[in-house]
Amino acid sequence: MRGRCTAATLLAGGLVLTGCSTALDLDVRDGGYADGTFTGRSQADDDGGYGEISLTIRNDDITAATFTLHLEDGSVKDAEYGKTNGKVVDSSTYRRAQAGIAAAPSYAADLVETDDPADVDAVTGASLSYSQFQEAVEDALRQARR
């Protein structure tokens, strides 16, 4: 793990505050990860939905990854997600919901390509799924850490 220290200055009082935290190094290329397949899950969103990733590590390289978005009941979000009673009631809401679903495979593919979740870019209109992706990857890589 890499340690990170930060310093901030409170101008009004001239007080210097410092703090250190140990952030998990999530760049698999840096080593320290076991070989195998690991599953990670994000925290639930306000509606109980969550993201889940399955990733495979071989010789400090992510060789495969799949990322899916789930409803609270565990079912996978699909083309019906964002509809009300099977109908698109609010096209803006539906587009945003579907953008997240469409982004999921690209997040996983980018992770395989880069081996570092910090190098995976968010897709416009899919910020919630991106956050869930990042959380799920961190969960999986914590399990894989040697």
N, C-alpha and C. Protein backbone atom coordinates (compact mmCIF):
# COMPACT_ATOMS: atom_id res chain seq x y z
N MET A 1 0.82 -1.18 0.00
CA MET A 1 0.00 0.00 0.00
C MET A 1 0.86 1.24 0.00
N ARG A 2 0.39 2.20 -0.71
CA ARG A 2 1.08 3.48 -0.72
C ARG A 2 0.48 4.36 0.35
N GLY A 3 1.33 5.10 1.07
CA GLY A 3 0.82 6.07 2.03
C GLY A 3 0.70 7.41 1.34
N ARG A 4 -0.29 8.16 1.76
CA ARG A 4 -0.48 9.47 1.17
C ARG A 4 -0.68 10.45 2.30
N CYS A 5 0.08 11.51 2.29
CA CYS A 5 -0.05 12.55 3.30
C CYS A 5 -0.50 13.83 2.62
N THR A 6 -1.38 14.54 3.30
CA THR A 6 -1.85 15.79 2.77
C THR A 6 -1.70 16.87 3.80
N ALA A 7 -1.56 18.08 3.34
CA ALA A 7 -1.48 19.21 4.25
C ALA A 7 -2.42 20.28 3.75
N ALA A 8 -3.11 20.94 4.67
CA ALA A 8 -4.02 22.02 4.32
C ALA A 8 -3.79 23.17 5.27
N THR A 9 -3.95 24.36 4.76
CA THR A 9 -3.77 25.53 5.60
C THR A 9 -5.11 26.22 5.77
N LEU A 10 -5.45 26.49 7.00
CA LEU A 10 -6.64 27.25 7.30
C LEU A 10 -6.20 28.69 7.42
N LEU A 11 -6.51 29.48 6.41
CA LEU A 11 -5.99 30.84 6.32
C LEU A 11 -6.44 31.73 7.47
N ALA A 12 -7.64 31.61 7.91
CA ALA A 12 -8.15 32.51 8.95
C ALA A 12 -7.33 32.42 10.23
N GLY A 13 -6.93 31.24 10.60
CA GLY A 13 -6.19 31.08 11.85
C GLY A 13 -4.74 30.73 11.64
N GLY A 14 -4.32 30.54 10.41
CA GLY A 14 -2.94 30.18 10.16
C GLY A 14 -2.62 28.78 10.67
N LEU A 15 -3.63 27.98 10.88
CA LEU A 15 -3.46 26.65 11.43
C LEU A 15 -3.13 25.69 10.30
N VAL A 16 -2.15 24.85 10.50
CA VAL A 16 -1.79 23.85 9.50
C VAL A 16 -2.29 22.51 9.99
N LEU A 17 -3.10 21.87 9.16
CA LEU A 17 -3.63 20.56 9.48
C LEU A 17 -2.98 19.54 8.56
N THR A 18 -2.53 18.44 9.11
CA THR A 18 -1.96 17.40 8.27
C THR A 18 -2.63 16.09 8.63
N GLY A 19 -2.68 15.23 7.66
CA GLY A 19 -3.24 13.92 7.91
C GLY A 19 -2.63 12.93 6.95
N CYS A 20 -2.53 11.70 7.36
CA CYS A 20 -2.00 10.65 6.51
C CYS A 20 -3.01 9.53 6.42
N SER A 21 -3.11 8.96 5.24
CA SER A 21 -3.95 7.79 5.08
C SER A 21 -3.19 6.79 4.24
N THR A 22 -3.55 5.55 4.36
CA THR A 22 -2.93 4.54 3.52
C THR A 22 -3.96 4.13 2.49
N ALA A 23 -3.72 4.49 1.25
CA ALA A 23 -4.62 4.16 0.16
C ALA A 23 -4.12 2.87 -0.49
N LEU A 24 -5.04 2.01 -0.81
CA LEU A 24 -4.70 0.77 -1.48
C LEU A 24 -4.22 1.08 -2.89
N ASP A 25 -3.05 0.56 -3.25
CA ASP A 25 -2.53 0.74 -4.61
C ASP A 25 -3.31 -0.22 -5.50
N LEU A 26 -4.15 0.33 -6.36
CA LEU A 26 -5.02 -0.49 -7.19
C LEU A 26 -4.45 -0.78 -8.57
N ASP A 27 -3.24 -0.33 -8.85
CA ASP A 27 -2.61 -0.60 -10.13
C ASP A 27 -2.02 -2.00 -10.06
N VAL A 28 -2.65 -2.94 -10.72
CA VAL A 28 -2.24 -4.35 -10.65
C VAL A 28 -0.82 -4.54 -11.19
N ARG A 29 -0.40 -3.68 -12.11
CA ARG A 29 0.95 -3.80 -12.68
C ARG A 29 2.03 -3.61 -11.62
N ASP A 30 1.68 -2.95 -10.50
CA ASP A 30 2.65 -2.74 -9.43
C ASP A 30 2.91 -4.00 -8.62
N GLY A 31 2.14 -5.05 -8.86
CA GLY A 31 2.35 -6.33 -8.18
C GLY A 31 1.64 -6.41 -6.85
N GLY A 32 1.78 -7.56 -6.22
CA GLY A 32 1.19 -7.78 -4.91
C GLY A 32 -0.21 -8.37 -4.94
N TYR A 33 -0.64 -8.84 -6.10
CA TYR A 33 -1.97 -9.44 -6.22
C TYR A 33 -1.85 -10.92 -6.54
N ALA A 34 -2.72 -11.71 -5.94
CA ALA A 34 -2.73 -13.15 -6.18
C ALA A 34 -3.38 -13.46 -7.52
N ASP A 35 -2.98 -14.56 -8.12
CA ASP A 35 -3.65 -15.03 -9.33
C ASP A 35 -5.00 -15.61 -8.94
N GLY A 36 -5.97 -15.48 -9.82
CA GLY A 36 -7.28 -16.05 -9.59
C GLY A 36 -8.39 -15.15 -10.09
N THR A 37 -9.61 -15.57 -9.84
CA THR A 37 -10.78 -14.79 -10.22
C THR A 37 -11.43 -14.27 -8.95
N PHE A 38 -11.73 -12.98 -8.93
CA PHE A 38 -12.24 -12.31 -7.75
C PHE A 38 -13.49 -11.52 -8.11
N THR A 39 -14.45 -11.52 -7.21
CA THR A 39 -15.70 -10.81 -7.41
C THR A 39 -15.81 -9.69 -6.40
N GLY A 40 -16.16 -8.51 -6.87
CA GLY A 40 -16.34 -7.36 -6.00
C GLY A 40 -17.70 -6.74 -6.22
N ARG A 41 -18.19 -6.08 -5.18
CA ARG A 41 -19.51 -5.48 -5.24
C ARG A 41 -19.46 -4.06 -4.68
N SER A 42 -20.20 -3.16 -5.30
CA SER A 42 -20.27 -1.78 -4.83
C SER A 42 -21.28 -1.68 -3.69
N GLN A 43 -21.27 -0.53 -3.05
CA GLN A 43 -22.33 -0.21 -2.10
C GLN A 43 -23.63 -0.04 -2.90
N ALA A 44 -24.74 -0.25 -2.23
CA ALA A 44 -26.04 -0.05 -2.89
C ALA A 44 -26.31 1.44 -3.06
N ASP A 45 -26.97 1.79 -4.18
CA ASP A 45 -27.38 3.17 -4.39
C ASP A 45 -28.68 3.43 -3.63
N ASP A 46 -29.27 4.58 -3.80
CA ASP A 46 -30.48 4.96 -3.07
C ASP A 46 -31.65 4.03 -3.34
N ASP A 47 -31.65 3.38 -4.49
CA ASP A 47 -32.73 2.45 -4.83
C ASP A 47 -32.37 1.00 -4.54
N GLY A 48 -31.20 0.77 -3.95
CA GLY A 48 -30.78 -0.59 -3.62
C GLY A 48 -30.00 -1.27 -4.73
N GLY A 49 -29.83 -0.60 -5.86
CA GLY A 49 -29.07 -1.19 -6.96
C GLY A 49 -27.57 -1.15 -6.67
N TYR A 50 -26.83 -2.03 -7.32
CA TYR A 50 -25.39 -2.13 -7.09
C TYR A 50 -24.68 -2.64 -8.34
N GLY A 51 -23.38 -2.45 -8.36
CA GLY A 51 -22.55 -2.96 -9.44
C GLY A 51 -21.73 -4.14 -8.95
N GLU A 52 -21.46 -5.07 -9.84
CA GLU A 52 -20.67 -6.25 -9.47
C GLU A 52 -19.67 -6.54 -10.58
N ILE A 53 -18.43 -6.80 -10.17
CA ILE A 53 -17.39 -7.12 -11.15
C ILE A 53 -16.80 -8.48 -10.83
N SER A 54 -16.46 -9.19 -11.87
CA SER A 54 -15.67 -10.41 -11.76
C SER A 54 -14.43 -10.15 -12.59
N LEU A 55 -13.26 -10.28 -11.96
CA LEU A 55 -12.03 -10.05 -12.69
C LEU A 55 -11.04 -11.16 -12.42
N THR A 56 -10.25 -11.45 -13.44
CA THR A 56 -9.25 -12.51 -13.36
C THR A 56 -7.87 -11.88 -13.46
N ILE A 57 -7.01 -12.27 -12.52
CA ILE A 57 -5.63 -11.78 -12.48
C ILE A 57 -4.69 -12.95 -12.73
N ARG A 58 -3.73 -12.75 -13.62
CA ARG A 58 -2.66 -13.71 -13.90
C ARG A 58 -1.36 -12.93 -14.01
N ASN A 59 -0.38 -13.27 -13.18
CA ASN A 59 0.94 -12.65 -13.24
C ASN A 59 0.87 -11.12 -13.26
N ASP A 60 0.15 -10.57 -12.31
CA ASP A 60 0.02 -9.11 -12.16
C ASP A 60 -0.54 -8.45 -13.41
N ASP A 61 -1.50 -9.12 -14.04
CA ASP A 61 -2.18 -8.60 -15.22
C ASP A 61 -3.65 -9.01 -15.11
N ILE A 62 -4.56 -8.04 -15.28
CA ILE A 62 -5.98 -8.39 -15.33
C ILE A 62 -6.25 -8.91 -16.74
N THR A 63 -6.61 -10.18 -16.82
CA THR A 63 -6.77 -10.83 -18.12
C THR A 63 -8.23 -10.90 -18.57
N ALA A 64 -9.16 -10.73 -17.65
CA ALA A 64 -10.59 -10.76 -18.00
C ALA A 64 -11.36 -10.00 -16.94
N ALA A 65 -12.46 -9.37 -17.36
CA ALA A 65 -13.32 -8.67 -16.41
C ALA A 65 -14.72 -8.54 -17.01
N THR A 66 -15.72 -8.70 -16.17
CA THR A 66 -17.10 -8.41 -16.55
C THR A 66 -17.70 -7.57 -15.43
N PHE A 67 -18.44 -6.54 -15.83
CA PHE A 67 -19.09 -5.65 -14.87
C PHE A 67 -20.56 -5.59 -15.21
N THR A 68 -21.40 -5.86 -14.23
CA THR A 68 -22.85 -5.82 -14.43
C THR A 68 -23.50 -4.95 -13.36
N LEU A 69 -24.61 -4.36 -13.73
CA LEU A 69 -25.39 -3.54 -12.82
C LEU A 69 -26.65 -4.31 -12.44
N HIS A 70 -26.99 -4.26 -11.16
CA HIS A 70 -28.10 -5.05 -10.63
C HIS A 70 -29.13 -4.19 -9.93
N LEU A 71 -30.37 -4.65 -9.97
CA LEU A 71 -31.43 -4.06 -9.17
C LEU A 71 -31.33 -4.58 -7.75
N GLU A 72 -32.07 -4.01 -6.86
CA GLU A 72 -32.04 -4.42 -5.45
C GLU A 72 -32.32 -5.91 -5.28
N ASP A 73 -33.19 -6.48 -6.11
CA ASP A 73 -33.52 -7.91 -5.99
C ASP A 73 -32.46 -8.83 -6.59
N GLY A 74 -31.38 -8.25 -7.14
CA GLY A 74 -30.29 -9.04 -7.71
C GLY A 74 -30.40 -9.26 -9.20
N SER A 75 -31.55 -8.92 -9.79
CA SER A 75 -31.67 -9.10 -11.24
C SER A 75 -30.81 -8.06 -11.96
N VAL A 76 -30.37 -8.43 -13.16
CA VAL A 76 -29.49 -7.57 -13.94
C VAL A 76 -30.32 -6.47 -14.60
N LYS A 77 -29.82 -5.24 -14.53
CA LYS A 77 -30.48 -4.13 -15.21
C LYS A 77 -30.38 -4.35 -16.71
N ASP A 78 -31.50 -4.12 -17.41
CA ASP A 78 -31.54 -4.35 -18.84
C ASP A 78 -32.29 -3.22 -19.54
N ALA A 79 -32.80 -3.46 -20.73
CA ALA A 79 -33.48 -2.43 -21.52
C ALA A 79 -34.74 -1.91 -20.84
N GLU A 80 -35.27 -2.63 -19.88
CA GLU A 80 -36.46 -2.17 -19.15
C GLU A 80 -36.11 -1.20 -18.03
N TYR A 81 -34.85 -1.15 -17.65
CA TYR A 81 -34.45 -0.28 -16.55
C TYR A 81 -34.64 1.19 -16.94
N GLY A 82 -35.31 1.92 -16.09
CA GLY A 82 -35.59 3.34 -16.36
C GLY A 82 -36.99 3.56 -16.87
N LYS A 83 -37.72 2.48 -17.12
CA LYS A 83 -39.11 2.59 -17.56
C LYS A 83 -40.03 2.49 -16.34
N THR A 84 -41.24 2.98 -16.51
CA THR A 84 -42.27 2.86 -15.48
C THR A 84 -43.41 2.03 -16.07
N ASN A 85 -43.70 0.89 -15.46
CA ASN A 85 -44.74 -0.01 -15.96
C ASN A 85 -44.53 -0.35 -17.44
N GLY A 86 -43.27 -0.57 -17.80
CA GLY A 86 -42.94 -0.98 -19.15
C GLY A 86 -42.91 0.13 -20.18
N LYS A 87 -43.12 1.39 -19.74
CA LYS A 87 -43.15 2.50 -20.69
C LYS A 87 -42.14 3.57 -20.30
N VAL A 88 -41.58 4.23 -21.31
CA VAL A 88 -40.68 5.35 -21.07
C VAL A 88 -41.57 6.55 -20.74
N VAL A 89 -41.56 6.95 -19.47
CA VAL A 89 -42.36 8.08 -19.02
C VAL A 89 -41.55 9.37 -19.12
N ASP A 90 -40.28 9.28 -18.76
CA ASP A 90 -39.38 10.44 -18.80
C ASP A 90 -38.17 10.03 -19.65
N SER A 91 -38.11 10.57 -20.86
CA SER A 91 -37.06 10.14 -21.79
C SER A 91 -35.66 10.48 -21.28
N SER A 92 -35.53 11.58 -20.56
CA SER A 92 -34.23 11.96 -20.01
C SER A 92 -33.76 10.94 -18.97
N THR A 93 -34.64 10.55 -18.08
CA THR A 93 -34.31 9.55 -17.05
C THR A 93 -33.97 8.21 -17.71
N TYR A 94 -34.76 7.83 -18.70
CA TYR A 94 -34.51 6.57 -19.38
C TYR A 94 -33.15 6.58 -20.09
N ARG A 95 -32.82 7.68 -20.77
CA ARG A 95 -31.53 7.78 -21.45
C ARG A 95 -30.37 7.66 -20.47
N ARG A 96 -30.48 8.33 -19.32
CA ARG A 96 -29.41 8.25 -18.31
C ARG A 96 -29.29 6.83 -17.76
N ALA A 97 -30.42 6.20 -17.50
CA ALA A 97 -30.40 4.82 -16.99
C ALA A 97 -29.75 3.88 -17.99
N GLN A 98 -30.09 4.04 -19.24
CA GLN A 98 -29.53 3.17 -20.27
C GLN A 98 -28.06 3.49 -20.57
N ALA A 99 -27.66 4.74 -20.39
CA ALA A 99 -26.25 5.10 -20.58
C ALA A 99 -25.37 4.34 -19.61
N GLY A 100 -25.82 4.21 -18.37
CA GLY A 100 -25.06 3.46 -17.37
C GLY A 100 -24.92 2.00 -17.75
N ILE A 101 -26.00 1.41 -18.22
CA ILE A 101 -25.97 0.01 -18.63
C ILE A 101 -25.04 -0.18 -19.84
N ALA A 102 -25.13 0.73 -20.78
CA ALA A 102 -24.29 0.65 -21.98
C ALA A 102 -22.81 0.82 -21.65
N ALA A 103 -22.51 1.59 -20.61
CA ALA A 103 -21.11 1.86 -20.24
C ALA A 103 -20.44 0.67 -19.55
N ALA A 104 -21.22 -0.17 -18.91
CA ALA A 104 -20.66 -1.25 -18.09
C ALA A 104 -19.63 -2.11 -18.84
N PRO A 105 -19.93 -2.60 -20.04
CA PRO A 105 -18.92 -3.42 -20.74
C PRO A 105 -17.64 -2.65 -21.07
N SER A 106 -17.78 -1.36 -21.40
CA SER A 106 -16.57 -0.60 -21.74
C SER A 106 -15.70 -0.37 -20.51
N TYR A 107 -16.32 -0.19 -19.35
CA TYR A 107 -15.53 -0.05 -18.12
C TYR A 107 -14.69 -1.32 -17.90
N ALA A 108 -15.32 -2.47 -18.04
CA ALA A 108 -14.60 -3.74 -17.84
C ALA A 108 -13.49 -3.91 -18.88
N ALA A 109 -13.78 -3.62 -20.14
CA ALA A 109 -12.77 -3.75 -21.20
C ALA A 109 -11.59 -2.81 -20.96
N ASP A 110 -11.90 -1.58 -20.54
CA ASP A 110 -10.82 -0.62 -20.27
C ASP A 110 -9.96 -1.07 -19.10
N LEU A 111 -10.57 -1.72 -18.11
CA LEU A 111 -9.80 -2.22 -16.97
C LEU A 111 -8.84 -3.32 -17.42
N VAL A 112 -9.28 -4.20 -18.28
CA VAL A 112 -8.41 -5.26 -18.80
C VAL A 112 -7.25 -4.63 -19.56
N GLU A 113 -7.54 -3.59 -20.31
CA GLU A 113 -6.50 -2.93 -21.10
C GLU A 113 -5.48 -2.19 -20.23
N THR A 114 -5.95 -1.52 -19.17
CA THR A 114 -5.06 -0.65 -18.39
C THR A 114 -4.51 -1.28 -17.11
N ASP A 115 -5.20 -2.26 -16.56
CA ASP A 115 -4.83 -2.90 -15.28
C ASP A 115 -4.92 -1.95 -14.09
N ASP A 116 -5.50 -0.79 -14.27
CA ASP A 116 -5.60 0.18 -13.17
C ASP A 116 -6.93 0.92 -13.28
N PRO A 117 -7.81 0.77 -12.29
CA PRO A 117 -9.11 1.44 -12.36
C PRO A 117 -9.00 2.96 -12.45
N ALA A 118 -7.91 3.53 -11.97
CA ALA A 118 -7.73 4.98 -12.07
C ALA A 118 -7.54 5.43 -13.52
N ASP A 119 -7.17 4.51 -14.40
CA ASP A 119 -6.96 4.83 -15.81
C ASP A 119 -8.21 4.56 -16.66
N VAL A 120 -9.29 4.16 -16.03
CA VAL A 120 -10.55 3.94 -16.74
C VAL A 120 -11.36 5.23 -16.66
N ASP A 121 -11.69 5.79 -17.80
CA ASP A 121 -12.43 7.05 -17.84
C ASP A 121 -13.93 6.83 -17.71
N ALA A 122 -14.59 7.78 -17.07
CA ALA A 122 -16.05 7.75 -16.94
C ALA A 122 -16.67 8.05 -18.30
N VAL A 123 -17.83 7.48 -18.53
CA VAL A 123 -18.61 7.74 -19.73
C VAL A 123 -19.62 8.84 -19.39
N THR A 124 -19.73 9.82 -20.25
CA THR A 124 -20.67 10.92 -20.03
C THR A 124 -22.08 10.37 -19.85
N GLY A 125 -22.74 10.83 -18.81
CA GLY A 125 -24.11 10.40 -18.53
C GLY A 125 -24.19 9.12 -17.73
N ALA A 126 -23.06 8.57 -17.34
CA ALA A 126 -23.05 7.30 -16.63
C ALA A 126 -22.22 7.39 -15.35
N SER A 127 -22.36 8.50 -14.63
CA SER A 127 -21.51 8.71 -13.45
C SER A 127 -21.84 7.75 -12.31
N LEU A 128 -23.11 7.40 -12.12
CA LEU A 128 -23.44 6.47 -11.04
C LEU A 128 -22.85 5.09 -11.33
N SER A 129 -22.98 4.61 -12.55
CA SER A 129 -22.40 3.30 -12.87
C SER A 129 -20.89 3.33 -12.76
N TYR A 130 -20.27 4.47 -13.08
CA TYR A 130 -18.82 4.60 -12.94
C TYR A 130 -18.41 4.50 -11.47
N SER A 131 -19.13 5.17 -10.60
CA SER A 131 -18.84 5.09 -9.16
C SER A 131 -19.00 3.66 -8.67
N GLN A 132 -20.06 3.01 -9.12
CA GLN A 132 -20.28 1.62 -8.70
C GLN A 132 -19.18 0.72 -9.26
N PHE A 133 -18.73 0.98 -10.46
CA PHE A 133 -17.61 0.23 -11.04
C PHE A 133 -16.36 0.39 -10.18
N GLN A 134 -16.01 1.62 -9.86
CA GLN A 134 -14.81 1.87 -9.06
C GLN A 134 -14.89 1.16 -7.70
N GLU A 135 -16.03 1.24 -7.04
CA GLU A 135 -16.21 0.59 -5.74
C GLU A 135 -16.10 -0.92 -5.86
N ALA A 136 -16.71 -1.49 -6.89
CA ALA A 136 -16.67 -2.94 -7.08
C ALA A 136 -15.25 -3.43 -7.36
N VAL A 137 -14.52 -2.69 -8.19
CA VAL A 137 -13.13 -3.06 -8.49
C VAL A 137 -12.29 -3.00 -7.22
N GLU A 138 -12.45 -1.95 -6.44
CA GLU A 138 -11.69 -1.85 -5.21
C GLU A 138 -11.99 -3.03 -4.29
N ASP A 139 -13.25 -3.42 -4.18
CA ASP A 139 -13.63 -4.56 -3.35
C ASP A 139 -12.95 -5.84 -3.85
N ALA A 140 -12.97 -6.06 -5.16
CA ALA A 140 -12.35 -7.27 -5.72
C ALA A 140 -10.84 -7.26 -5.53
N LEU A 141 -10.22 -6.12 -5.74
CA LEU A 141 -8.75 -6.06 -5.60
C LEU A 141 -8.30 -6.14 -4.14
N ARG A 142 -9.13 -5.71 -3.21
CA ARG A 142 -8.80 -5.92 -1.79
C ARG A 142 -8.75 -7.42 -1.48
N GLN A 143 -9.64 -8.16 -2.08
CA GLN A 143 -9.63 -9.62 -1.88
C GLN A 143 -8.42 -10.27 -2.52
N ALA A 144 -7.98 -9.72 -3.64
CA ALA A 144 -6.86 -10.31 -4.39
C ALA A 144 -5.50 -9.93 -3.82
N ARG A 145 -5.47 -8.93 -2.96
CA ARG A 145 -4.20 -8.44 -2.43
C ARG A 145 -3.50 -9.54 -1.64
N ARG A 146 -2.21 -9.75 -1.91
CA ARG A 146 -1.43 -10.77 -1.17
C ARG A 146 -0.95 -10.21 0.14
